[in-house]
Protein backbone atom coordinates (compact mmCIF):
# COMPACT_ATOMS: atom_id res chain seq x y z
CA MET A 1 0.00 0.00 0.00
CA SER A 2 2.90 2.41 0.54
CA ASP A 3 3.44 2.73 -3.22
CA VAL A 4 -0.27 3.39 -3.75
CA ILE A 5 0.03 6.16 -1.18
CA LYS A 6 3.07 7.55 -3.05
CA HIS A 7 1.02 7.65 -6.25
CA LEU A 8 -1.87 9.33 -4.43
CA ASN A 9 0.46 11.94 -2.93
CA GLY A 10 1.90 12.59 -6.39
CA LEU A 11 -1.62 13.16 -7.68
CA LEU A 12 -2.38 15.35 -4.68
CA SER A 13 0.52 17.61 -5.66
CA TYR A 14 -1.13 18.13 -9.07
CA GLU A 15 -4.50 18.89 -7.48
CA LEU A 16 -2.97 21.37 -5.02
CA THR A 17 -1.04 23.02 -7.86
CA SER A 18 -4.26 23.25 -9.87
CA ILE A 19 -6.06 24.86 -6.94
CA ASP A 20 -3.27 27.44 -6.62
CA GLU A 21 -3.14 28.13 -10.37
CA TYR A 22 -6.89 28.36 -10.89
CA THR A 23 -7.38 30.53 -7.80
CA ALA A 24 -4.70 32.98 -8.92
CA HIS A 25 -5.92 33.02 -12.54
CA ALA A 26 -9.52 33.54 -11.42
CA GLN A 27 -8.45 36.58 -9.42
CA PHE A 28 -6.54 37.98 -12.39
CA PHE A 29 -9.61 37.49 -14.61
CA ASP A 30 -11.79 39.22 -12.02
CA ASP A 31 -9.35 42.11 -11.72
CA TRP A 32 -9.21 42.48 -15.51
CA GLY A 33 -13.01 42.47 -15.78
CA PHE A 34 -13.39 39.09 -17.49
CA SER A 35 -16.30 37.98 -15.32
CA LYS A 36 -17.20 34.88 -17.37
CA LEU A 37 -13.66 33.55 -17.19
CA HIS A 38 -13.46 34.41 -13.50
CA GLU A 39 -16.62 32.44 -12.76
CA ARG A 40 -15.55 29.36 -14.73
CA ILE A 41 -11.97 29.25 -13.46
CA ALA A 42 -13.11 29.77 -9.85
CA HIS A 43 -15.43 26.78 -10.43
CA GLU A 44 -12.44 24.78 -11.71
CA ALA A 45 -10.56 25.58 -8.48
CA ASP A 46 -13.54 24.26 -6.50
CA ASP A 47 -13.55 21.05 -8.57
CA GLU A 48 -9.85 20.57 -7.89
CA ARG A 49 -10.51 21.04 -4.16
CA LEU A 50 -13.02 18.19 -4.35
CA HIS A 51 -10.44 16.00 -6.09
CA ALA A 52 -7.84 16.88 -3.45
CA ASN A 53 -10.28 16.00 -0.66
CA LEU A 54 -10.97 12.59 -2.25
CA LEU A 55 -7.25 11.89 -2.47
CA ILE A 56 -6.63 13.03 1.11
CA GLU A 57 -9.46 10.84 2.42
CA ARG A 58 -8.10 7.81 0.57
CA ILE A 59 -4.52 8.42 1.73
CA LEU A 60 -5.72 8.63 5.33
CA PHE A 61 -7.88 5.52 4.92
CA LEU A 62 -4.84 3.60 3.64
CA GLY A 63 -2.85 4.71 6.69
CA GLY A 64 -0.73 7.31 4.94
CA LYS A 65 -0.02 10.95 5.53
CA PRO A 66 -1.12 13.47 2.88
CA ASP A 67 1.72 15.63 1.54
CA MET A 68 0.15 19.09 1.61
CA ARG A 69 3.35 20.96 0.77
CA THR A 70 4.56 19.57 -2.55
CA ARG A 71 3.54 21.34 -5.73
CA VAL A 72 4.34 20.78 -9.39
CA GLU A 73 6.16 23.76 -10.92
CA TYR A 74 4.01 25.70 -13.42
CA PRO A 75 4.41 29.37 -14.32
CA LEU A 76 1.57 31.83 -13.84
CA GLY A 77 0.50 33.11 -17.22
CA LYS A 78 0.86 36.79 -18.08
CA SER A 79 -2.14 36.90 -20.43
CA VAL A 80 -5.49 35.16 -20.74
CA LYS A 81 -4.11 32.94 -23.49
CA GLU A 82 -1.05 31.96 -21.45
CA MET A 83 -3.24 31.21 -18.44
CA LEU A 84 -5.53 28.97 -20.47
CA GLU A 85 -2.51 27.23 -22.02
CA THR A 86 -0.92 26.70 -18.61
CA GLY A 87 -4.16 25.26 -17.27
CA LEU A 88 -4.45 22.90 -20.24
CA GLN A 89 -0.86 21.68 -19.86
CA LEU A 90 -1.42 21.10 -16.15
CA GLU A 91 -4.58 19.07 -16.89
CA ARG A 92 -2.78 17.02 -19.56
CA ASP A 93 0.14 16.27 -17.24
CA ASN A 94 -2.26 15.38 -14.44
CA ALA A 95 -4.13 13.01 -16.77
CA LYS A 96 -0.88 11.20 -17.64
CA THR A 97 -0.08 10.85 -13.94
CA LEU A 98 -3.60 9.61 -13.23
CA LYS A 99 -3.32 6.95 -15.95
CA LYS A 100 -0.06 5.66 -14.45
CA ALA A 101 -1.62 5.55 -10.97
CA ILE A 102 -4.71 3.76 -12.31
CA ALA A 103 -2.53 1.13 -13.98
CA TYR A 104 -0.53 0.66 -10.78
CA CYS A 105 -3.71 0.26 -8.71
CA GLU A 106 -4.92 -2.38 -11.15
CA GLU A 107 -1.64 -4.27 -10.76
CA GLN A 108 -2.06 -4.11 -6.98
CA GLN A 109 -5.74 -5.10 -7.27
CA ASP A 110 -6.77 -1.95 -5.38
CA TYR A 111 -9.98 -1.45 -7.32
CA VAL A 112 -11.52 1.03 -4.88
CA THR A 113 -8.66 3.48 -5.40
CA ARG A 114 -8.65 2.72 -9.12
CA ASP A 115 -12.36 3.52 -9.46
CA MET A 116 -11.92 6.80 -7.60
CA LEU A 117 -9.02 7.77 -9.89
CA VAL A 118 -11.00 6.84 -13.01
CA LYS A 119 -13.72 9.31 -11.94
CA ILE A 120 -11.11 12.04 -11.37
CA LEU A 121 -9.56 11.25 -14.78
CA GLN A 122 -12.94 11.50 -16.46
CA ASP A 123 -13.50 14.93 -14.90
CA THR A 124 -9.96 16.00 -15.82
CA GLU A 125 -10.22 14.98 -19.48
CA GLU A 126 -13.91 15.41 -20.30
CA ASP A 127 -14.57 18.61 -18.37
CA HIS A 128 -11.46 20.59 -17.47
CA ALA A 129 -9.12 19.84 -20.40
CA TYR A 130 -11.96 19.80 -22.92
CA TRP A 131 -13.21 23.24 -21.83
CA LEU A 132 -9.71 24.73 -21.91
CA ARG A 133 -9.05 23.31 -25.41
CA GLN A 134 -12.41 24.69 -26.52
CA GLN A 135 -11.56 28.18 -25.22
CA LEU A 136 -8.18 28.20 -26.92
CA GLY A 137 -9.85 27.05 -30.15
CA LEU A 138 -12.43 29.83 -29.89
CA MET A 139 -9.66 32.34 -29.29
CA GLU A 140 -7.88 31.13 -32.43
CA THR A 141 -11.06 31.08 -34.55
CA LEU A 142 -12.52 34.39 -33.40
CA GLY A 143 -9.29 36.23 -32.72
CA GLU A 144 -8.11 37.13 -29.25
CA GLN A 145 -9.85 40.52 -29.03
CA ILE A 146 -13.29 39.22 -30.01
CA TYR A 147 -12.88 36.24 -27.66
CA LEU A 148 -11.94 38.53 -24.78
CA GLN A 149 -14.90 40.85 -25.48
CA ALA A 150 -17.19 37.85 -25.10
CA GLN A 151 -15.70 37.17 -21.65
CA LEU A 152 -16.69 40.56 -20.19
């Protein structure tokens, strides 16, 4: 179980990083007047908090100690586009890490942890990453200025 806990703590570092990133980006968007982006990205931070809580609960259940200090290094974006790109890269990297942890849990026959991680992966890929890709695609199709006007 100690290696499962290591995987879960690695995933927790991604979730905590996401919370930090999305919280900071949401505040930038609010400060810049992009209320629609602020609302959505603040919601993303809340989703990541839920993921982190699931991981913490499972780590504790397995007798481990959650690592609340470790973060994955990602730069804060300087523009809306950079912030969306950073968020997308973070989600993609998290998905890769989730897939490795899911495979490891299957090897260890820890299907409860595996099922929890599959749900987090689904949210990561089908909600978070999909929405970010969609926004970047809209920005490219419409042009950055028109996209940003729509976010006011």
